[in-house]
Amino acid sequence: MLLMLLVGCAVPSHQAGGGSGSIILGEQQGRPLDETLNGFLSGSSAHEVLNLASSPWGANIELQAEPSYRAASGRACRHLTALSLSTGEQRALVACETPSGWVSRRRVTALLNGTENAR
């Protein structure tokens, strides 16, 4: 299973022909985040919460950021939890800093351990 996870990190999340992907082997792919989220991720302390009327994850979201860490790529990354205050749905995310700002994606481990439903 570990081999499959390592291969999954090296294979693009989309086939040739376009589409959004994820941060893979240092490439700048994923969901680019706006200035508000860039500022929050760059300057917030561990477990700080940001309430958003609208966000990449829907309306009325409470975003909590975990402490920053260095990924294997050398980038600063943070685990995030996006909680919909409307539905109670929770998403496990990761955001990593790139030269042009922060980008986010779902945490693969959340899908694997069953804490998030696949979409």
N, C-alpha and C. Protein backbone atom coordinates (compact mmCIF):
# COMPACT_ATOMS: atom_id res chain seq x y z
N MET A 1 0.83 -1.19 0.00
CA MET A 1 0.00 0.00 0.00
C MET A 1 0.87 1.25 0.00
N LEU A 2 2.00 1.21 0.70
CA LEU A 2 2.89 2.36 0.71
C LEU A 2 3.39 2.68 -0.68
N LEU A 3 3.73 1.66 -1.45
CA LEU A 3 4.19 1.87 -2.81
C LEU A 3 3.12 2.58 -3.63
N MET A 4 1.87 2.19 -3.46
CA MET A 4 0.79 2.83 -4.19
C MET A 4 0.67 4.29 -3.81
N LEU A 5 0.85 4.63 -2.55
CA LEU A 5 0.79 6.02 -2.12
C LEU A 5 1.93 6.83 -2.73
N LEU A 6 3.12 6.27 -2.75
CA LEU A 6 4.26 6.99 -3.32
C LEU A 6 4.07 7.20 -4.81
N VAL A 7 3.58 6.21 -5.50
CA VAL A 7 3.33 6.36 -6.93
C VAL A 7 2.25 7.41 -7.15
N GLY A 8 1.23 7.42 -6.30
CA GLY A 8 0.15 8.39 -6.42
C GLY A 8 0.65 9.82 -6.30
N CYS A 9 1.72 10.04 -5.59
CA CYS A 9 2.27 11.39 -5.46
C CYS A 9 3.02 11.81 -6.72
N ALA A 10 3.48 10.85 -7.49
CA ALA A 10 4.27 11.16 -8.67
C ALA A 10 3.46 11.20 -9.95
N VAL A 11 2.21 10.78 -9.89
CA VAL A 11 1.37 10.73 -11.07
C VAL A 11 0.42 11.91 -11.05
N PRO A 12 0.33 12.66 -12.16
CA PRO A 12 -0.60 13.79 -12.19
C PRO A 12 -2.02 13.36 -11.88
N SER A 13 -2.78 14.26 -11.26
CA SER A 13 -4.14 13.93 -10.86
C SER A 13 -5.12 14.13 -12.00
N HIS A 14 -4.64 14.46 -13.17
CA HIS A 14 -5.51 14.58 -14.34
C HIS A 14 -4.75 14.09 -15.56
N GLN A 15 -5.46 13.68 -16.55
CA GLN A 15 -4.84 13.21 -17.78
C GLN A 15 -4.48 14.41 -18.65
N ALA A 16 -3.65 14.18 -19.64
CA ALA A 16 -3.28 15.25 -20.57
C ALA A 16 -4.55 15.84 -21.17
N GLY A 17 -4.54 17.14 -21.36
CA GLY A 17 -5.71 17.77 -21.94
C GLY A 17 -6.27 18.83 -21.03
N GLY A 18 -5.63 19.07 -19.88
CA GLY A 18 -6.07 20.17 -19.03
C GLY A 18 -6.78 19.70 -17.79
N GLY A 19 -7.27 20.67 -17.06
CA GLY A 19 -7.96 20.40 -15.81
C GLY A 19 -7.09 20.76 -14.65
N SER A 20 -7.70 20.95 -13.51
CA SER A 20 -6.91 21.29 -12.33
C SER A 20 -6.40 20.03 -11.68
N GLY A 21 -5.32 20.16 -10.95
CA GLY A 21 -4.73 19.00 -10.30
C GLY A 21 -4.40 19.30 -8.87
N SER A 22 -3.23 18.89 -8.48
CA SER A 22 -2.80 19.07 -7.11
C SER A 22 -1.31 19.33 -7.11
N ILE A 23 -0.77 19.60 -5.96
CA ILE A 23 0.66 19.83 -5.86
C ILE A 23 1.36 18.49 -6.01
N ILE A 24 2.10 18.33 -7.07
CA ILE A 24 2.72 17.05 -7.37
C ILE A 24 4.17 17.30 -7.74
N LEU A 25 5.09 16.71 -7.00
CA LEU A 25 6.51 16.80 -7.28
C LEU A 25 6.97 18.23 -7.55
N GLY A 26 6.50 19.17 -6.76
CA GLY A 26 6.96 20.52 -6.86
C GLY A 26 6.29 21.35 -7.93
N GLU A 27 5.43 20.75 -8.73
CA GLU A 27 4.73 21.54 -9.73
C GLU A 27 3.68 22.40 -9.04
N GLN A 28 3.38 23.53 -9.62
CA GLN A 28 2.42 24.44 -9.04
C GLN A 28 1.04 24.14 -9.59
N GLN A 29 0.37 23.19 -8.97
CA GLN A 29 -0.98 22.83 -9.34
C GLN A 29 -1.80 22.79 -8.07
N GLY A 30 -3.08 22.86 -8.21
CA GLY A 30 -3.98 22.85 -7.07
C GLY A 30 -4.94 24.01 -7.19
N ARG A 31 -5.67 24.25 -6.16
CA ARG A 31 -6.64 25.35 -6.15
C ARG A 31 -5.95 26.59 -5.59
N PRO A 32 -5.65 27.58 -6.45
CA PRO A 32 -5.03 28.81 -5.96
C PRO A 32 -5.97 29.52 -4.98
N LEU A 33 -5.41 30.07 -3.93
CA LEU A 33 -6.20 30.75 -2.92
C LEU A 33 -6.08 32.26 -3.06
N ASP A 34 -7.14 32.97 -2.69
CA ASP A 34 -7.17 34.43 -2.86
C ASP A 34 -6.31 35.13 -1.81
N GLU A 35 -6.23 36.44 -1.91
CA GLU A 35 -5.38 37.24 -1.02
C GLU A 35 -5.77 37.09 0.45
N THR A 36 -7.06 37.02 0.75
CA THR A 36 -7.50 36.85 2.14
C THR A 36 -6.95 35.56 2.71
N LEU A 37 -7.10 34.47 1.96
CA LEU A 37 -6.61 33.17 2.43
C LEU A 37 -5.09 33.12 2.45
N ASN A 38 -4.44 33.74 1.47
CA ASN A 38 -2.97 33.81 1.47
C ASN A 38 -2.47 34.50 2.72
N GLY A 39 -3.09 35.63 3.07
CA GLY A 39 -2.69 36.36 4.26
C GLY A 39 -2.93 35.56 5.53
N PHE A 40 -4.06 34.89 5.61
CA PHE A 40 -4.39 34.06 6.77
C PHE A 40 -3.37 32.94 6.94
N LEU A 41 -3.07 32.23 5.86
CA LEU A 41 -2.14 31.10 5.95
C LEU A 41 -0.71 31.55 6.24
N SER A 42 -0.33 32.70 5.75
CA SER A 42 1.02 33.21 5.99
C SER A 42 1.21 33.76 7.39
N GLY A 43 0.14 34.30 7.98
CA GLY A 43 0.31 35.01 9.23
C GLY A 43 -0.43 34.50 10.44
N SER A 44 -1.27 33.49 10.29
CA SER A 44 -2.06 33.03 11.44
C SER A 44 -1.27 32.08 12.32
N SER A 45 -1.66 32.02 13.57
CA SER A 45 -1.03 31.08 14.50
C SER A 45 -1.73 29.73 14.42
N ALA A 46 -1.14 28.73 15.04
CA ALA A 46 -1.72 27.38 15.03
C ALA A 46 -3.12 27.40 15.64
N HIS A 47 -4.03 26.72 15.00
CA HIS A 47 -5.42 26.54 15.44
C HIS A 47 -6.26 27.81 15.33
N GLU A 48 -5.73 28.84 14.70
CA GLU A 48 -6.52 30.05 14.50
C GLU A 48 -7.65 29.76 13.50
N VAL A 49 -8.76 30.46 13.68
CA VAL A 49 -9.96 30.23 12.87
C VAL A 49 -10.28 31.48 12.07
N LEU A 50 -10.70 31.28 10.82
CA LEU A 50 -11.14 32.36 9.95
C LEU A 50 -12.54 32.01 9.46
N ASN A 51 -13.51 32.90 9.67
CA ASN A 51 -14.86 32.69 9.16
C ASN A 51 -15.00 33.39 7.82
N LEU A 52 -15.52 32.65 6.84
CA LEU A 52 -15.63 33.14 5.48
C LEU A 52 -17.08 33.06 4.99
N ALA A 53 -17.60 34.17 4.51
CA ALA A 53 -18.95 34.18 3.93
C ALA A 53 -18.97 33.37 2.64
N SER A 54 -17.89 33.47 1.85
CA SER A 54 -17.75 32.63 0.66
C SER A 54 -16.30 32.19 0.57
N SER A 55 -16.11 31.00 0.05
CA SER A 55 -14.76 30.42 -0.02
C SER A 55 -14.72 29.42 -1.16
N PRO A 56 -13.53 28.89 -1.47
CA PRO A 56 -13.44 27.83 -2.49
C PRO A 56 -14.19 26.56 -2.09
N TRP A 57 -14.54 26.44 -0.81
CA TRP A 57 -15.20 25.24 -0.30
C TRP A 57 -16.69 25.46 -0.03
N GLY A 58 -17.20 26.61 -0.44
CA GLY A 58 -18.62 26.90 -0.27
C GLY A 58 -18.85 28.14 0.58
N ALA A 59 -20.11 28.40 0.86
CA ALA A 59 -20.50 29.58 1.64
C ALA A 59 -20.53 29.24 3.13
N ASN A 60 -20.32 30.26 3.95
CA ASN A 60 -20.43 30.15 5.40
C ASN A 60 -19.50 29.07 5.95
N ILE A 61 -18.21 29.25 5.75
CA ILE A 61 -17.18 28.27 6.13
C ILE A 61 -16.35 28.80 7.29
N GLU A 62 -16.06 27.91 8.22
CA GLU A 62 -15.11 28.18 9.29
C GLU A 62 -13.85 27.40 8.95
N LEU A 63 -12.75 28.10 8.74
CA LEU A 63 -11.48 27.48 8.35
C LEU A 63 -10.52 27.53 9.53
N GLN A 64 -10.00 26.36 9.91
CA GLN A 64 -9.02 26.30 10.99
C GLN A 64 -7.70 25.79 10.41
N ALA A 65 -6.61 26.49 10.75
CA ALA A 65 -5.29 26.13 10.25
C ALA A 65 -4.44 25.52 11.36
N GLU A 66 -3.80 24.43 11.04
CA GLU A 66 -2.88 23.77 11.96
C GLU A 66 -1.50 24.42 11.83
N PRO A 67 -0.55 24.03 12.67
CA PRO A 67 0.79 24.61 12.57
C PRO A 67 1.43 24.36 11.20
N SER A 68 2.29 25.26 10.80
CA SER A 68 3.02 25.13 9.55
C SER A 68 4.09 24.05 9.69
N TYR A 69 4.37 23.35 8.60
CA TYR A 69 5.42 22.34 8.58
C TYR A 69 6.10 22.35 7.21
N ARG A 70 7.27 21.77 7.13
CA ARG A 70 8.00 21.67 5.86
C ARG A 70 7.66 20.32 5.22
N ALA A 71 7.15 20.37 4.01
CA ALA A 71 6.85 19.15 3.26
C ALA A 71 8.14 18.61 2.65
N ALA A 72 8.07 17.41 2.12
CA ALA A 72 9.24 16.81 1.47
C ALA A 72 9.72 17.66 0.30
N SER A 73 8.82 18.43 -0.29
CA SER A 73 9.18 19.31 -1.41
C SER A 73 9.97 20.53 -0.93
N GLY A 74 10.03 20.74 0.39
CA GLY A 74 10.71 21.90 0.95
C GLY A 74 9.78 23.08 1.17
N ARG A 75 8.54 22.96 0.73
CA ARG A 75 7.58 24.05 0.88
C ARG A 75 6.96 24.08 2.26
N ALA A 76 6.55 25.28 2.65
CA ALA A 76 5.77 25.43 3.87
C ALA A 76 4.35 24.97 3.56
N CYS A 77 3.80 24.11 4.40
CA CYS A 77 2.44 23.60 4.22
C CYS A 77 1.70 23.66 5.54
N ARG A 78 0.37 23.64 5.46
CA ARG A 78 -0.47 23.62 6.65
C ARG A 78 -1.67 22.73 6.40
N HIS A 79 -2.01 21.92 7.40
CA HIS A 79 -3.25 21.18 7.35
C HIS A 79 -4.37 22.14 7.74
N LEU A 80 -5.50 22.01 7.07
CA LEU A 80 -6.66 22.86 7.30
C LEU A 80 -7.89 22.01 7.53
N THR A 81 -8.85 22.55 8.27
CA THR A 81 -10.16 21.95 8.38
C THR A 81 -11.17 23.01 7.97
N ALA A 82 -11.97 22.68 6.96
CA ALA A 82 -13.03 23.58 6.50
C ALA A 82 -14.36 23.01 6.97
N LEU A 83 -15.03 23.74 7.84
CA LEU A 83 -16.32 23.31 8.39
C LEU A 83 -17.41 24.18 7.82
N SER A 84 -18.41 23.56 7.18
CA SER A 84 -19.56 24.30 6.69
C SER A 84 -20.48 24.57 7.88
N LEU A 85 -20.67 25.84 8.18
CA LEU A 85 -21.55 26.20 9.30
C LEU A 85 -23.01 25.99 8.93
N SER A 86 -23.30 25.83 7.64
CA SER A 86 -24.67 25.59 7.18
C SER A 86 -25.07 24.12 7.28
N THR A 87 -24.14 23.23 6.90
CA THR A 87 -24.48 21.80 6.82
C THR A 87 -23.76 20.95 7.86
N GLY A 88 -22.71 21.47 8.47
CA GLY A 88 -21.92 20.68 9.41
C GLY A 88 -20.89 19.80 8.73
N GLU A 89 -20.85 19.81 7.39
CA GLU A 89 -19.87 19.01 6.66
C GLU A 89 -18.47 19.55 6.93
N GLN A 90 -17.54 18.63 7.14
CA GLN A 90 -16.16 18.99 7.44
C GLN A 90 -15.26 18.41 6.37
N ARG A 91 -14.28 19.20 5.91
CA ARG A 91 -13.31 18.74 4.91
C ARG A 91 -11.90 18.89 5.46
N ALA A 92 -11.10 17.86 5.24
CA ALA A 92 -9.69 17.90 5.61
C ALA A 92 -8.90 18.33 4.38
N LEU A 93 -8.14 19.41 4.52
CA LEU A 93 -7.40 19.99 3.40
C LEU A 93 -5.94 20.16 3.76
N VAL A 94 -5.14 20.39 2.76
CA VAL A 94 -3.76 20.81 2.97
C VAL A 94 -3.50 21.97 2.01
N ALA A 95 -2.76 22.95 2.48
CA ALA A 95 -2.37 24.08 1.64
C ALA A 95 -0.86 24.21 1.71
N CYS A 96 -0.26 24.47 0.56
CA CYS A 96 1.19 24.65 0.49
C CYS A 96 1.50 25.95 -0.22
N GLU A 97 2.58 26.57 0.22
CA GLU A 97 3.00 27.85 -0.35
C GLU A 97 3.81 27.60 -1.62
N THR A 98 3.49 28.38 -2.64
CA THR A 98 4.21 28.32 -3.91
C THR A 98 4.76 29.71 -4.18
N PRO A 99 5.59 29.86 -5.18
CA PRO A 99 6.11 31.20 -5.50
C PRO A 99 5.02 32.23 -5.81
N SER A 100 3.87 31.78 -6.29
CA SER A 100 2.80 32.73 -6.62
C SER A 100 1.67 32.75 -5.59
N GLY A 101 1.85 32.14 -4.43
CA GLY A 101 0.83 32.14 -3.38
C GLY A 101 0.51 30.72 -2.93
N TRP A 102 -0.44 30.62 -2.03
CA TRP A 102 -0.84 29.34 -1.46
C TRP A 102 -1.82 28.64 -2.39
N VAL A 103 -1.73 27.31 -2.43
CA VAL A 103 -2.69 26.47 -3.16
C VAL A 103 -3.17 25.37 -2.22
N SER A 104 -4.39 24.89 -2.43
CA SER A 104 -4.93 23.86 -1.54
C SER A 104 -5.46 22.66 -2.31
N ARG A 105 -5.64 21.59 -1.57
CA ARG A 105 -6.23 20.35 -2.08
C ARG A 105 -6.72 19.52 -0.91
N ARG A 106 -7.51 18.50 -1.17
CA ARG A 106 -7.95 17.60 -0.11
C ARG A 106 -6.76 16.78 0.37
N ARG A 107 -6.78 16.42 1.64
CA ARG A 107 -5.73 15.55 2.17
C ARG A 107 -6.00 14.12 1.73
N VAL A 108 -5.03 13.50 1.09
CA VAL A 108 -5.17 12.12 0.65
C VAL A 108 -5.41 11.22 1.84
N THR A 109 -4.74 11.46 2.95
CA THR A 109 -4.90 10.61 4.12
C THR A 109 -6.32 10.65 4.67
N ALA A 110 -7.04 11.75 4.50
CA ALA A 110 -8.43 11.82 4.96
C ALA A 110 -9.29 10.87 4.15
N LEU A 111 -9.01 10.72 2.88
CA LEU A 111 -9.75 9.78 2.04
C LEU A 111 -9.42 8.35 2.42
N LEU A 112 -8.14 8.09 2.69
CA LEU A 112 -7.71 6.74 2.99
C LEU A 112 -8.18 6.23 4.33
N ASN A 113 -8.23 7.11 5.34
CA ASN A 113 -8.63 6.63 6.67
C ASN A 113 -10.11 6.80 6.94
N GLY A 114 -10.87 7.24 5.92
CA GLY A 114 -12.31 7.28 6.04
C GLY A 114 -12.88 8.49 6.74
N THR A 115 -12.06 9.51 7.03
CA THR A 115 -12.58 10.69 7.70
C THR A 115 -13.22 11.67 6.73
N GLU A 116 -13.12 11.38 5.43
CA GLU A 116 -13.77 12.22 4.43
C GLU A 116 -14.28 11.33 3.33
N ASN A 117 -15.46 11.62 2.85
CA ASN A 117 -16.04 10.86 1.74
C ASN A 117 -15.41 11.34 0.44
N ALA A 118 -15.16 10.40 -0.46
CA ALA A 118 -14.65 10.75 -1.80
C ALA A 118 -15.73 11.50 -2.55
N ARG A 119 -15.31 12.46 -3.35
CA ARG A 119 -16.25 13.24 -4.16
C ARG A 119 -16.00 12.98 -5.60
